[in-house]
Amino acid sequence: MANVLESLRNDHENMRVLLDILESQMAVFGGGEYPNVLLIEDILDYLRGYPTLCHHPMEDLVYDKLHTRVSSDVLERIGDLQAEHEELARLTSELAAGVDNVLPDPKAPRSRFVALAKEFLDRYRRHMELEETVLFPAAAKHLSENDWAAIDRELARHRDPLFGKRLEERFANLHHAIMVVARGPH
């Protein structure tokens, strides 16, 4: 149990770092300046990949094992997790399309894109908070050791290309930017 929930919580912490960096770049753009487009693209590329292919399926697996063991009240609070994950994927793709269409054009209206980015950031953060305050505690309380062992085996098949043990080359620039942010101002 501890490994799976710890891994999911670590993923959330890592995603918070990325969301904070994205938010700071959107503030730059919203303020009339030109943000680091490559950094934004790298963040969105990561958020289109790892969460969709690895992280969310693990949460869905936890939910699938949990949904027969908790009250309808808990299930109602969790909501339709898979639909939430699909909506986050849609918003991520929509924001990425905006990066491709809006950021290169200095005459493009900024307000709609900044509003989309705000919606994306707010939705992602609310979603993670719900999982951490409802889903994860319910799973810790109600799932058996056999459930956790099955989830753990599945989790071992997936690895994080940015925060995992081996950094994928395509995320090297993003990793460097995160390290700069983590060090803070000199």
C-alpha atoms as a PDB file:
ATOM      1  CA  MET A   1       0.000   0.000   0.000  1.00  0.00           C
ATOM      2  CA  ALA A   2       2.630   2.510   1.046  1.00  0.00           C
ATOM      3  CA  ASN A   3       4.546   2.187  -2.216  1.00  0.00           C
ATOM      4  CA  VAL A   4       1.538   2.805  -4.437  1.00  0.00           C
ATOM      5  CA  LEU A   5       0.118   5.736  -2.488  1.00  0.00           C
ATOM      6  CA  GLU A   6       3.578   7.209  -1.969  1.00  0.00           C
ATOM      7  CA  SER A   7       4.229   6.969  -5.692  1.00  0.00           C
ATOM      8  CA  LEU A   8       0.901   8.609  -6.532  1.00  0.00           C
ATOM      9  CA  ARG A   9       1.498  11.375  -3.976  1.00  0.00           C
ATOM     10  CA  ASN A  10       5.022  11.935  -5.320  1.00  0.00           C
ATOM     11  CA  ASP A  11       3.575  12.211  -8.808  1.00  0.00           C
ATOM     12  CA  HIS A  12       1.175  14.870  -7.544  1.00  0.00           C
ATOM     13  CA  GLU A  13       3.993  16.790  -5.905  1.00  0.00           C
ATOM     14  CA  ASN A  14       5.987  16.660  -9.139  1.00  0.00           C
ATOM     15  CA  MET A  15       2.952  17.784 -11.130  1.00  0.00           C
ATOM     16  CA  ARG A  16       2.475  20.707  -8.719  1.00  0.00           C
ATOM     17  CA  VAL A  17       5.992  21.873  -9.544  1.00  0.00           C
ATOM     18  CA  LEU A  18       5.178  21.747 -13.251  1.00  0.00           C
ATOM     19  CA  LEU A  19       1.846  23.522 -12.756  1.00  0.00           C
ATOM     20  CA  ASP A  20       3.577  26.259 -10.738  1.00  0.00           C
ATOM     21  CA  ILE A  21       6.154  26.775 -13.498  1.00  0.00           C
ATOM     22  CA  LEU A  22       3.403  26.818 -16.122  1.00  0.00           C
ATOM     23  CA  GLU A  23       1.465  29.343 -14.041  1.00  0.00           C
ATOM     24  CA  SER A  24       4.512  31.610 -13.809  1.00  0.00           C
ATOM     25  CA  GLN A  25       4.968  31.440 -17.586  1.00  0.00           C
ATOM     26  CA  MET A  26       1.293  32.273 -18.107  1.00  0.00           C
ATOM     27  CA  ALA A  27       1.723  35.281 -15.802  1.00  0.00           C
ATOM     28  CA  VAL A  28       4.579  36.442 -18.023  1.00  0.00           C
ATOM     29  CA  PHE A  29       2.398  36.017 -21.106  1.00  0.00           C
ATOM     30  CA  GLY A  30      -0.638  37.628 -19.455  1.00  0.00           C
ATOM     31  CA  GLY A  31       1.546  40.583 -18.507  1.00  0.00           C
ATOM     32  CA  GLY A  32       2.355  41.267 -22.147  1.00  0.00           C
ATOM     33  CA  GLU A  33       5.777  39.653 -22.220  1.00  0.00           C
ATOM     34  CA  TYR A  34       6.890  36.607 -24.166  1.00  0.00           C
ATOM     35  CA  PRO A  35       7.129  33.399 -22.086  1.00  0.00           C
ATOM     36  CA  ASN A  36       9.541  30.505 -22.499  1.00  0.00           C
ATOM     37  CA  VAL A  37       7.553  28.634 -25.145  1.00  0.00           C
ATOM     38  CA  LEU A  38       9.888  25.630 -25.195  1.00  0.00           C
ATOM     39  CA  LEU A  39       9.458  25.213 -21.456  1.00  0.00           C
ATOM     40  CA  ILE A  40       5.668  25.440 -21.763  1.00  0.00           C
ATOM     41  CA  GLU A  41       5.695  22.905 -24.600  1.00  0.00           C
ATOM     42  CA  ASP A  42       7.877  20.534 -22.564  1.00  0.00           C
ATOM     43  CA  ILE A  43       5.541  20.766 -19.569  1.00  0.00           C
ATOM     44  CA  LEU A  44       2.469  20.094 -21.687  1.00  0.00           C
ATOM     45  CA  ASP A  45       4.228  17.267 -23.525  1.00  0.00           C
ATOM     46  CA  TYR A  46       4.974  15.638 -20.187  1.00  0.00           C
ATOM     47  CA  LEU A  47       1.426  16.236 -18.914  1.00  0.00           C
ATOM     48  CA  ARG A  48      -0.004  14.695 -22.096  1.00  0.00           C
ATOM     49  CA  GLY A  49       2.212  11.651 -21.701  1.00  0.00           C
ATOM     50  CA  TYR A  50       3.037  10.361 -18.262  1.00  0.00           C
ATOM     51  CA  PRO A  51      -0.219  11.141 -16.408  1.00  0.00           C
ATOM     52  CA  THR A  52      -2.355   9.810 -19.242  1.00  0.00           C
ATOM     53  CA  LEU A  53      -0.306   6.678 -19.885  1.00  0.00           C
ATOM     54  CA  CYS A  54       0.851   5.784 -16.371  1.00  0.00           C
ATOM     55  CA  HIS A  55      -0.374   7.879 -13.442  1.00  0.00           C
ATOM     56  CA  HIS A  56      -4.098   8.096 -14.188  1.00  0.00           C
ATOM     57  CA  PRO A  57      -4.409   4.398 -15.081  1.00  0.00           C
ATOM     58  CA  MET A  58      -2.907   3.599 -11.662  1.00  0.00           C
ATOM     59  CA  GLU A  59      -5.449   5.828  -9.929  1.00  0.00           C
ATOM     60  CA  ASP A  60      -8.166   4.219 -12.030  1.00  0.00           C
ATOM     61  CA  LEU A  61      -6.940   0.801 -10.898  1.00  0.00           C
ATOM     62  CA  VAL A  62      -7.102   1.918  -7.249  1.00  0.00           C
ATOM     63  CA  TYR A  63     -10.600   3.269  -7.870  1.00  0.00           C
ATOM     64  CA  ASP A  64     -11.728   0.075  -9.620  1.00  0.00           C
ATOM     65  CA  LYS A  65     -10.672  -2.018  -6.640  1.00  0.00           C
ATOM     66  CA  LEU A  66     -12.142   0.490  -4.192  1.00  0.00           C
ATOM     67  CA  HIS A  67     -15.569   1.163  -5.684  1.00  0.00           C
ATOM     68  CA  THR A  68     -17.137  -2.058  -4.375  1.00  0.00           C
ATOM     69  CA  ARG A  69     -15.860  -1.480  -0.832  1.00  0.00           C
ATOM     70  CA  VAL A  70     -16.915   2.040   0.078  1.00  0.00           C
ATOM     71  CA  SER A  71     -20.198   3.798   0.704  1.00  0.00           C
ATOM     72  CA  SER A  72     -22.111   5.547  -2.034  1.00  0.00           C
ATOM     73  CA  ASP A  73     -21.293   8.827  -0.248  1.00  0.00           C
ATOM     74  CA  VAL A  74     -17.563   8.264  -0.767  1.00  0.00           C
ATOM     75  CA  LEU A  75     -18.141   7.227  -4.374  1.00  0.00           C
ATOM     76  CA  GLU A  76     -20.220  10.338  -4.957  1.00  0.00           C
ATOM     77  CA  ARG A  77     -17.455  12.541  -3.522  1.00  0.00           C
ATOM     78  CA  ILE A  78     -14.868  10.857  -5.728  1.00  0.00           C
ATOM     79  CA  GLY A  79     -17.119  11.178  -8.760  1.00  0.00           C
ATOM     80  CA  ASP A  80     -16.308   9.685 -12.114  1.00  0.00           C
ATOM     81  CA  LEU A  81     -12.537   9.525 -11.894  1.00  0.00           C
ATOM     82  CA  GLN A  82     -12.036   8.214 -15.405  1.00  0.00           C
ATOM     83  CA  ALA A  83     -14.169  11.030 -16.848  1.00  0.00           C
ATOM     84  CA  GLU A  84     -12.108  13.543 -14.839  1.00  0.00           C
ATOM     85  CA  HIS A  85      -8.912  12.070 -16.244  1.00  0.00           C
ATOM     86  CA  GLU A  86     -10.316  12.272 -19.773  1.00  0.00           C
ATOM     87  CA  GLU A  87     -11.307  15.903 -19.189  1.00  0.00           C
ATOM     88  CA  LEU A  88      -7.800  16.743 -17.945  1.00  0.00           C
ATOM     89  CA  ALA A  89      -6.349  15.108 -21.067  1.00  0.00           C
ATOM     90  CA  ARG A  90      -8.729  17.160 -23.234  1.00  0.00           C
ATOM     91  CA  LEU A  91      -7.820  20.407 -21.460  1.00  0.00           C
ATOM     92  CA  THR A  92      -4.117  19.593 -21.767  1.00  0.00           C
ATOM     93  CA  SER A  93      -4.486  19.036 -25.523  1.00  0.00           C
ATOM     94  CA  GLU A  94      -6.540  22.206 -25.883  1.00  0.00           C
ATOM     95  CA  LEU A  95      -3.920  24.227 -24.027  1.00  0.00           C
ATOM     96  CA  ALA A  96      -1.140  22.673 -26.132  1.00  0.00           C
ATOM     97  CA  ALA A  97      -3.029  23.648 -29.298  1.00  0.00           C
ATOM     98  CA  GLY A  98      -3.278  27.163 -27.911  1.00  0.00           C
ATOM     99  CA  VAL A  99       0.474  27.246 -27.402  1.00  0.00           C
ATOM    100  CA  ASP A 100       0.949  26.280 -31.042  1.00  0.00           C
ATOM    101  CA  ASN A 101      -1.621  28.790 -32.326  1.00  0.00           C
ATOM    102  CA  VAL A 102      -1.490  31.757 -29.942  1.00  0.00           C
ATOM    103  CA  LEU A 103       2.027  32.098 -28.581  1.00  0.00           C
ATOM    104  CA  PRO A 104       3.815  32.414 -31.941  1.00  0.00           C
ATOM    105  CA  ASP A 105       1.454  35.202 -33.055  1.00  0.00           C
ATOM    106  CA  PRO A 106       2.183  38.494 -31.259  1.00  0.00           C
ATOM    107  CA  LYS A 107      -1.179  39.864 -32.484  1.00  0.00           C
ATOM    108  CA  ALA A 108      -3.218  36.956 -31.126  1.00  0.00           C
ATOM    109  CA  PRO A 109      -5.570  37.875 -28.282  1.00  0.00           C
ATOM    110  CA  ARG A 110      -4.023  36.849 -24.997  1.00  0.00           C
ATOM    111  CA  SER A 111      -7.036  36.943 -22.692  1.00  0.00           C
ATOM    112  CA  ARG A 112      -8.782  33.806 -24.009  1.00  0.00           C
ATOM    113  CA  PHE A 113      -5.577  31.775 -23.860  1.00  0.00           C
ATOM    114  CA  VAL A 114      -4.728  33.026 -20.363  1.00  0.00           C
ATOM    115  CA  ALA A 115      -8.288  32.136 -19.240  1.00  0.00           C
ATOM    116  CA  LEU A 116      -7.896  28.634 -20.696  1.00  0.00           C
ATOM    117  CA  ALA A 117      -4.583  28.228 -18.874  1.00  0.00           C
ATOM    118  CA  LYS A 118      -6.200  29.367 -15.617  1.00  0.00           C
ATOM    119  CA  GLU A 119      -9.060  26.888 -16.080  1.00  0.00           C
ATOM    120  CA  PHE A 120      -6.534  24.139 -16.782  1.00  0.00           C
ATOM    121  CA  LEU A 121      -4.425  24.958 -13.719  1.00  0.00           C
ATOM    122  CA  ASP A 122      -7.442  25.280 -11.407  1.00  0.00           C
ATOM    123  CA  ARG A 123      -9.006  22.061 -12.657  1.00  0.00           C
ATOM    124  CA  TYR A 124      -5.778  20.073 -12.338  1.00  0.00           C
ATOM    125  CA  ARG A 125      -5.144  21.316  -8.807  1.00  0.00           C
ATOM    126  CA  ARG A 126      -8.724  20.660  -7.649  1.00  0.00           C
ATOM    127  CA  HIS A 127      -8.568  17.188  -9.132  1.00  0.00           C
ATOM    128  CA  MET A 128      -5.358  16.305  -7.275  1.00  0.00           C
ATOM    129  CA  GLU A 129      -6.741  17.734  -4.037  1.00  0.00           C
ATOM    130  CA  LEU A 130      -9.866  15.579  -4.342  1.00  0.00           C
ATOM    131  CA  GLU A 131      -7.785  12.471  -4.897  1.00  0.00           C
ATOM    132  CA  GLU A 132      -5.541  13.266  -1.941  1.00  0.00           C
ATOM    133  CA  THR A 133      -8.374  14.078   0.458  1.00  0.00           C
ATOM    134  CA  VAL A 134     -10.946  11.454  -0.585  1.00  0.00           C
ATOM    135  CA  LEU A 135      -9.614   8.722  -2.895  1.00  0.00           C
ATOM    136  CA  PHE A 136      -6.243   8.035  -1.284  1.00  0.00           C
ATOM    137  CA  PRO A 137      -7.502   7.954   2.335  1.00  0.00           C
ATOM    138  CA  ALA A 138     -10.424   5.704   1.335  1.00  0.00           C
ATOM    139  CA  ALA A 139      -8.048   3.380  -0.500  1.00  0.00           C
ATOM    140  CA  ALA A 140      -5.671   3.251   2.470  1.00  0.00           C
ATOM    141  CA  LYS A 141      -8.575   2.328   4.730  1.00  0.00           C
ATOM    142  CA  HIS A 142     -10.491  -0.158   2.572  1.00  0.00           C
ATOM    143  CA  LEU A 143      -8.121  -1.994   0.216  1.00  0.00           C
ATOM    144  CA  SER A 144      -6.572  -5.307   1.232  1.00  0.00           C
ATOM    145  CA  GLU A 145      -2.920  -6.298   1.034  1.00  0.00           C
ATOM    146  CA  ASN A 146      -3.791  -8.465  -1.982  1.00  0.00           C
ATOM    147  CA  ASP A 147      -5.339  -5.439  -3.694  1.00  0.00           C
ATOM    148  CA  TRP A 148      -2.224  -3.386  -3.044  1.00  0.00           C
ATOM    149  CA  ALA A 149       0.048  -6.185  -4.251  1.00  0.00           C
ATOM    150  CA  ALA A 150      -1.875  -6.382  -7.539  1.00  0.00           C
ATOM    151  CA  ILE A 151      -1.753  -2.610  -7.972  1.00  0.00           C
ATOM    152  CA  ASP A 152       1.948  -2.561  -7.068  1.00  0.00           C
ATOM    153  CA  ARG A 153       2.721  -5.189  -9.715  1.00  0.00           C
ATOM    154  CA  GLU A 154       0.944  -3.109 -12.330  1.00  0.00           C
ATOM    155  CA  LEU A 155       2.693   0.071 -11.187  1.00  0.00           C
ATOM    156  CA  ALA A 156       6.102  -1.574 -11.612  1.00  0.00           C
ATOM    157  CA  ARG A 157       5.451  -1.793 -15.360  1.00  0.00           C
ATOM    158  CA  HIS A 158       5.340   1.981 -15.779  1.00  0.00           C
ATOM    159  CA  ARG A 159       8.096   4.496 -15.240  1.00  0.00           C
ATOM    160  CA  ASP A 160       8.161   8.252 -15.090  1.00  0.00           C
ATOM    161  CA  PRO A 161      10.227   9.748 -17.963  1.00  0.00           C
ATOM    162  CA  LEU A 162      10.944  13.008 -16.089  1.00  0.00           C
ATOM    163  CA  PHE A 163      11.012  12.292 -12.359  1.00  0.00           C
ATOM    164  CA  GLY A 164      11.826   8.575 -12.536  1.00  0.00           C
ATOM    165  CA  LYS A 165      15.156   6.863 -12.068  1.00  0.00           C
ATOM    166  CA  ARG A 166      16.189   7.481 -15.670  1.00  0.00           C
ATOM    167  CA  LEU A 167      15.572  10.836 -17.326  1.00  0.00           C
ATOM    168  CA  GLU A 168      14.444  10.591 -20.947  1.00  0.00           C
ATOM    169  CA  GLU A 169      16.455  12.864 -23.232  1.00  0.00           C
ATOM    170  CA  ARG A 170      13.344  14.619 -24.540  1.00  0.00           C
ATOM    171  CA  PHE A 171      12.730  15.997 -21.025  1.00  0.00           C
ATOM    172  CA  ALA A 172      16.317  17.130 -20.302  1.00  0.00           C
ATOM    173  CA  ASN A 173      15.523  20.840 -20.822  1.00  0.00           C
ATOM    174  CA  LEU A 174      12.440  20.633 -18.627  1.00  0.00           C
ATOM    175  CA  HIS A 175      14.397  18.823 -15.915  1.00  0.00           C
ATOM    176  CA  HIS A 176      17.034  21.567 -16.004  1.00  0.00           C
ATOM    177  CA  ALA A 177      14.348  24.275 -15.690  1.00  0.00           C
ATOM    178  CA  ILE A 178      12.823  22.485 -12.707  1.00  0.00           C
ATOM    179  CA  MET A 179      16.216  22.301 -11.016  1.00  0.00           C
ATOM    180  CA  VAL A 180      16.711  26.040 -11.569  1.00  0.00           C
ATOM    181  CA  VAL A 181      13.305  26.783 -10.033  1.00  0.00           C
ATOM    182  CA  ALA A 182      13.985  24.396  -7.150  1.00  0.00           C
ATOM    183  CA  ARG A 183      17.238  26.199  -6.315  1.00  0.00           C
ATOM    184  CA  GLY A 184      15.371  29.504  -6.197  1.00  0.00           C
ATOM    185  CA  PRO A 185      16.823  32.970  -6.729  1.00  0.00           C
ATOM    186  CA  HIS A 186      20.511  33.326  -6.011  1.00  0.00           C
END
